[in-house]
């Protein structure tokens, strides 16, 4: 008898990398239908495992979404790490949102998350530090006297542009133009960076 199966027609419990399989399935569902469509039972069905199996890795839906958000912040921090300047950091932020739309949706929906989760807090702090570093590197005459507010302005511009882009609200305005190039131009209107 296969130890990975229970008797009868029950689904197998064990899976090569069940945690990653559930995360991948969840990201697909969120991208297609949004976080509200997510259910651990459906994800178990998609992964071909028992309906209880995902709970062993994530406890519940909130736990799964919290893991997705923490992973998203880690990916964002990695994307921002190599930024040349604030403009490049903004372009990388927008690119991250385009390449990881499910993570992006979940990361900024605190009502879906366990806010006291240590991994989430650590990853969020690291991503925030990367943005603050890019803002601080901007010459004072290009960002104004308040670095904190300059950071809020930069984040608002990148996040707002990414959100409008993902929700197709900029389709008419941006058309076939490269979103990276459009965003780069927008930052030049707000911040007087010395980069070309």
Protein backbone atom coordinates (compact mmCIF):
# COMPACT_ATOMS: atom_id res chain seq x y z
CA UNK A 1 0.00 0.00 0.00
CA UNK A 2 1.22 3.49 -0.83
CA UNK A 3 1.84 5.34 2.48
CA UNK A 4 0.98 8.62 0.79
CA UNK A 5 -2.63 7.49 0.39
CA UNK A 6 -5.33 6.71 2.83
CA UNK A 7 -7.69 3.81 2.24
CA UNK A 8 -10.45 3.89 -0.33
CA UNK A 9 -10.84 6.76 -2.77
CA UNK A 10 -9.36 9.44 -0.52
CA UNK A 11 -6.90 11.82 -2.13
CA UNK A 12 -3.20 11.55 -1.34
CA UNK A 13 -1.91 13.69 1.49
CA UNK A 14 1.77 13.85 0.53
CA UNK A 15 3.02 15.86 -2.40
CA UNK A 16 6.52 16.58 -3.70
CA UNK A 17 6.48 20.21 -2.60
CA UNK A 18 2.95 20.79 -1.42
CA UNK A 19 3.71 24.17 0.08
CA UNK A 20 5.01 25.56 -3.24
CA UNK A 21 2.23 23.85 -5.20
CA UNK A 22 -0.42 25.48 -3.00
CA UNK A 23 1.30 28.88 -3.22
CA UNK A 24 1.51 28.63 -7.02
CA UNK A 25 -2.14 27.62 -7.31
CA UNK A 26 -3.13 30.47 -4.96
CA UNK A 27 -1.19 33.00 -7.04
CA UNK A 28 -2.98 31.76 -10.17
CA UNK A 29 -6.39 32.14 -8.51
CA UNK A 30 -5.60 35.62 -7.18
CA UNK A 31 -4.30 36.78 -10.57
CA UNK A 32 -7.42 35.51 -12.35
CA UNK A 33 -10.14 36.20 -9.79
CA UNK A 34 -8.73 38.20 -6.87
CA UNK A 35 -8.00 37.21 -3.26
CA UNK A 36 -11.69 36.85 -2.38
CA UNK A 37 -11.92 33.76 -4.65
CA UNK A 38 -9.27 31.93 -2.63
CA UNK A 39 -10.27 28.81 -0.71
CA UNK A 40 -7.98 26.19 0.83
CA UNK A 41 -10.38 23.43 -0.20
CA UNK A 42 -10.24 24.53 -3.85
CA UNK A 43 -6.44 24.82 -3.71
CA UNK A 44 -6.21 21.29 -2.30
CA UNK A 45 -8.37 20.05 -5.19
CA UNK A 46 -6.13 21.83 -7.70
CA UNK A 47 -3.01 20.30 -6.11
CA UNK A 48 -4.62 16.85 -6.00
CA UNK A 49 -4.32 16.43 -2.24
CA UNK A 50 -6.76 15.99 0.64
CA UNK A 51 -8.75 19.06 1.61
CA UNK A 52 -6.98 19.18 4.99
CA UNK A 53 -3.43 19.10 3.57
CA UNK A 54 -2.97 22.87 2.95
CA UNK A 55 -3.91 23.65 6.55
CA UNK A 56 -0.82 21.75 7.73
CA UNK A 57 1.35 24.31 5.93
CA UNK A 58 -0.65 27.52 6.29
CA UNK A 59 -3.17 26.87 9.09
CA UNK A 60 -5.89 28.88 7.35
CA UNK A 61 -6.63 31.27 4.47
CA UNK A 62 -5.19 34.24 6.39
CA UNK A 63 -1.98 32.31 6.99
CA UNK A 64 -1.68 31.53 3.28
CA UNK A 65 -2.26 35.15 2.28
CA UNK A 66 0.28 36.31 4.88
CA UNK A 67 2.90 33.98 3.40
CA UNK A 68 2.12 35.35 -0.08
CA UNK A 69 2.49 38.93 1.17
CA UNK A 70 5.80 38.18 2.92
CA UNK A 71 7.11 36.49 -0.23
CA UNK A 72 5.98 39.51 -2.23
CA UNK A 73 7.88 41.94 0.00
CA UNK A 74 10.98 39.74 -0.28
CA UNK A 75 10.69 39.78 -4.08
CA UNK A 76 10.17 43.54 -4.05
CA UNK A 77 13.18 44.11 -1.80
CA UNK A 78 15.30 41.99 -4.15
CA UNK A 79 14.03 43.96 -7.15
CA UNK A 80 14.84 47.29 -5.49
CA UNK A 81 18.27 46.16 -4.30
CA UNK A 82 20.05 46.86 -7.56
CA UNK A 83 18.43 50.22 -8.32
CA UNK A 84 20.79 52.88 -9.64
CA UNK A 85 18.73 55.80 -8.27
CA UNK A 86 15.21 56.77 -7.25
CA UNK A 87 13.90 56.72 -10.82
CA UNK A 88 15.27 53.24 -11.35
CA UNK A 89 13.78 52.10 -8.03
CA UNK A 90 10.39 53.38 -9.17
CA UNK A 91 10.68 51.60 -12.51
CA UNK A 92 11.64 48.41 -10.68
CA UNK A 93 8.63 48.83 -8.35
CA UNK A 94 6.25 49.13 -11.30
CA UNK A 95 7.92 46.19 -13.07
CA UNK A 96 7.57 44.10 -9.90
CA UNK A 97 3.83 44.85 -9.81
CA UNK A 98 3.46 43.85 -13.46
CA UNK A 99 5.44 40.64 -13.02
CA UNK A 100 3.86 39.65 -9.68
CA UNK A 101 0.27 40.99 -9.77
CA UNK A 102 -1.10 38.51 -7.24
CA UNK A 103 1.61 39.30 -4.69
CA UNK A 104 1.06 43.02 -5.31
CA UNK A 105 -2.70 42.75 -4.62
CA UNK A 106 -2.23 40.84 -1.38
CA UNK A 107 0.72 42.82 0.00
CA UNK A 108 -1.29 46.00 0.28
CA UNK A 109 -4.49 44.48 1.71
CA UNK A 110 -3.78 44.48 5.46
CA UNK A 111 -7.30 43.31 6.26
CA UNK A 112 -6.38 39.95 4.66
CA UNK A 113 -3.15 39.45 6.61
CA UNK A 114 -1.79 38.52 10.02
CA UNK A 115 -0.15 41.86 10.71
CA UNK A 116 1.83 40.53 13.69
CA UNK A 117 3.58 37.88 11.56
CA UNK A 118 7.36 38.18 12.02
CA UNK A 119 8.29 37.11 8.47
CA UNK A 120 5.84 39.62 7.00
CA UNK A 121 7.13 42.45 9.21
CA UNK A 122 10.76 41.63 8.41
CA UNK A 123 10.20 41.48 4.65
CA UNK A 124 8.09 44.65 4.68
CA UNK A 125 10.78 46.52 6.64
CA UNK A 126 13.49 45.44 4.21
CA UNK A 127 11.49 46.60 1.17
CA UNK A 128 10.78 49.91 2.90
CA UNK A 129 14.47 50.39 3.70
CA UNK A 130 15.36 49.86 0.03
CA UNK A 131 12.92 52.60 -1.00
CA UNK A 132 14.17 54.95 1.73
CA UNK A 133 17.75 54.37 0.60
CA UNK A 134 16.86 55.37 -2.96
CA UNK A 135 15.08 58.51 -1.71
CA UNK A 136 17.95 59.48 0.60
CA UNK A 137 20.45 59.17 -2.24
CA UNK A 138 18.58 61.85 -4.21
CA UNK A 139 20.20 65.29 -3.88
CA UNK A 140 18.34 67.56 -1.43
CA UNK A 141 17.49 70.05 -4.17
CA UNK A 142 15.77 67.23 -6.08
CA UNK A 143 13.64 65.92 -3.21
CA UNK A 144 12.98 68.89 -0.96
CA UNK A 145 13.77 69.33 2.72
CA UNK A 146 11.70 66.44 4.07
CA UNK A 147 13.09 63.04 3.09
CA UNK A 148 10.14 61.25 4.71
CA UNK A 149 7.59 63.13 2.60
CA UNK A 150 9.73 62.67 -0.50
CA UNK A 151 9.56 58.92 0.20
CA UNK A 152 5.78 59.08 0.53
CA UNK A 153 5.58 61.00 -2.76
CA UNK A 154 7.85 58.52 -4.56
CA UNK A 155 5.98 55.51 -3.19
CA UNK A 156 2.61 57.09 -4.01
CA UNK A 157 3.67 57.76 -7.58
CA UNK A 158 5.06 54.25 -8.16
CA UNK A 159 2.22 52.48 -6.35
CA UNK A 160 -0.50 54.60 -7.94
CA UNK A 161 0.92 54.14 -11.43
CA UNK A 162 1.29 50.37 -10.90
CA UNK A 163 -2.25 50.05 -9.54
CA UNK A 164 -3.76 52.05 -12.40
CA UNK A 165 -1.72 50.04 -14.89
CA UNK A 166 -2.78 46.66 -13.47
CA UNK A 167 -6.44 47.66 -13.36
CA UNK A 168 -6.24 48.74 -17.03
CA UNK A 169 -7.16 52.33 -16.21
CA UNK A 170 -4.16 53.58 -18.18
CA UNK A 171 -4.76 51.55 -21.33
CA UNK A 172 -5.94 54.59 -23.28
CA UNK A 173 -3.24 56.93 -21.97
CA UNK A 174 -0.28 54.55 -22.17
CA UNK A 175 -1.40 52.41 -25.11
CA UNK A 176 1.46 50.35 -26.54
CA UNK A 177 4.18 52.41 -24.85
CA UNK A 178 6.58 50.59 -22.56
CA UNK A 179 5.28 51.16 -19.00
CA UNK A 180 8.87 51.35 -17.72
CA UNK A 181 9.63 54.23 -20.07
CA UNK A 182 6.37 56.01 -19.26
CA UNK A 183 7.03 55.77 -15.54
CA UNK A 184 10.61 56.93 -15.98
CA UNK A 185 9.28 60.04 -17.73
CA UNK A 186 6.73 60.65 -14.96
CA UNK A 187 9.39 60.61 -12.26
CA UNK A 188 11.27 63.32 -14.14
CA UNK A 189 8.20 65.52 -13.78
CA UNK A 190 8.11 65.05 -10.00
CA UNK A 191 11.72 64.63 -8.92
CA UNK A 192 14.57 66.54 -10.47
CA UNK A 193 17.04 63.68 -10.45
CA UNK A 194 20.41 64.09 -12.16
CA UNK A 195 20.01 60.76 -13.92
CA UNK A 196 19.22 60.97 -17.68
